[in-house]
Amino acid sequence: MSQVALIVKIPALPGQRAELAAAMAAGLETAKGEEGTRYYILHEDAVDADVLWVYEMYENQEGLAAHGGSEAFKLLGAAMKPFMGGRPEITFTNPIGGKGF
């Protein structure tokens, strides 16, 4: 089965991006130990001060399902909620090549 990746735009409440990023710290640590997770990288938007981005890549669909169904993921959502300015926008992609692939 092929790898799957997500690009996720996460809006923060105005002026709360740093707090939202801090709330995500535990999730970043948890992802380091997830079996099927290749990348789970948090980014600040270079232009919009109220947006974070997450790039995620999984070995396969099962890796994505394990991440999304974990207790840690549920706790992460609860930690982020007070600082979020709306629903995340998720784009699913299928990597086809490049450095690090």
Protein backbone atom coordinates (compact mmCIF):
# COMPACT_ATOMS: atom_id res chain seq x y z
CA MET A 1 0.00 0.00 0.00
CA SER A 2 1.23 3.53 -0.72
CA GLN A 3 2.16 6.26 1.68
CA VAL A 4 -0.40 8.90 2.52
CA ALA A 5 0.20 12.51 3.53
CA LEU A 6 -1.89 15.33 4.92
CA ILE A 7 -1.42 19.07 4.80
CA VAL A 8 -3.52 20.61 7.55
CA LYS A 9 -4.28 24.31 7.98
CA ILE A 10 -5.20 25.09 11.59
CA PRO A 11 -6.62 28.53 12.34
CA ALA A 12 -5.94 30.03 15.75
CA LEU A 13 -8.08 32.55 17.56
CA PRO A 14 -6.69 36.05 16.91
CA GLY A 15 -3.42 36.43 18.80
CA GLN A 16 -3.48 32.82 20.09
CA ARG A 17 -1.17 31.06 17.61
CA ALA A 18 1.66 30.61 20.14
CA GLU A 19 -0.77 29.14 22.67
CA LEU A 20 -2.19 26.80 20.04
CA ALA A 21 1.31 25.67 19.08
CA ALA A 22 2.15 25.06 22.75
CA ALA A 23 -1.04 23.02 23.14
CA MET A 24 0.15 20.83 20.26
CA ALA A 25 3.52 20.05 21.88
CA ALA A 26 2.35 16.80 23.48
CA GLY A 27 0.99 15.60 20.14
CA LEU A 28 4.30 16.30 18.45
CA GLU A 29 6.09 14.19 21.06
CA THR A 30 3.57 11.37 20.79
CA ALA A 31 3.92 11.26 17.00
CA LYS A 32 7.67 10.60 17.37
CA GLY A 33 6.87 7.16 18.79
CA GLU A 34 4.02 6.19 16.46
CA GLU A 35 4.87 3.11 14.42
CA GLY A 36 3.39 4.17 11.06
CA THR A 37 4.14 7.91 11.26
CA ARG A 38 7.01 9.11 9.05
CA TYR A 39 6.57 12.88 9.47
CA TYR A 40 4.47 15.04 11.76
CA ILE A 41 5.81 18.58 11.43
CA LEU A 42 4.27 21.78 12.80
CA HIS A 43 4.79 25.05 10.89
CA GLU A 44 3.88 28.69 11.50
CA ASP A 45 2.37 30.48 8.52
CA ALA A 46 4.90 33.00 7.21
CA VAL A 47 2.22 35.59 6.41
CA ASP A 48 -0.87 34.95 8.56
CA ALA A 49 -0.07 35.35 12.27
CA ASP A 50 -3.13 33.30 13.21
CA VAL A 51 -2.45 30.13 11.23
CA LEU A 52 -0.48 26.95 11.85
CA TRP A 53 0.16 24.18 9.35
CA VAL A 54 0.92 20.52 9.98
CA TYR A 55 2.54 18.27 7.43
CA GLU A 56 1.92 14.60 8.15
CA MET A 57 3.14 11.53 6.28
CA TYR A 58 2.26 7.95 7.13
CA GLU A 59 3.66 4.66 5.86
CA ASN A 60 0.17 3.66 4.74
CA GLN A 61 -3.52 4.14 5.44
CA GLU A 62 -3.24 1.92 8.52
CA GLY A 63 -0.62 4.26 10.01
CA LEU A 64 -2.95 7.21 9.50
CA ALA A 65 -5.85 5.31 11.05
CA ALA A 66 -3.74 4.34 14.07
CA HIS A 67 -2.73 7.97 14.61
CA GLY A 68 -6.24 9.36 14.20
CA GLY A 69 -7.82 6.70 16.40
CA SER A 70 -5.35 6.96 19.27
CA GLU A 71 -6.20 8.21 22.73
CA ALA A 72 -3.35 10.74 22.39
CA PHE A 73 -5.03 12.24 19.30
CA LYS A 74 -8.30 12.66 21.21
CA LEU A 75 -6.47 14.39 24.06
CA LEU A 76 -4.66 16.62 21.56
CA GLY A 77 -7.95 17.84 20.12
CA ALA A 78 -9.22 18.76 23.57
CA ALA A 79 -6.01 20.65 24.39
CA MET A 80 -6.16 22.62 21.13
CA LYS A 81 -9.85 23.52 21.20
CA PRO A 82 -9.63 26.63 23.48
CA PHE A 83 -7.17 28.29 21.07
CA MET A 84 -8.67 27.35 17.72
CA GLY A 85 -10.32 29.92 15.49
CA GLY A 86 -12.22 27.38 13.40
CA ARG A 87 -12.11 23.87 12.03
CA PRO A 88 -8.88 22.58 10.52
CA GLU A 89 -8.79 22.33 6.73
CA ILE A 90 -7.34 18.94 5.75
CA THR A 91 -5.92 18.13 2.33
CA PHE A 92 -5.09 14.47 1.68
CA THR A 93 -2.27 13.72 -0.76
CA ASN A 94 -0.44 10.68 -2.11
CA PRO A 95 3.33 11.28 -2.24
CA ILE A 96 4.87 10.25 -5.56
CA GLY A 97 8.53 11.23 -5.25
CA GLY A 98 11.19 13.65 -4.08
CA LYS A 99 13.96 14.00 -1.52
CA GLY A 100 13.21 12.08 1.66
CA PHE A 101 10.68 9.89 -0.09
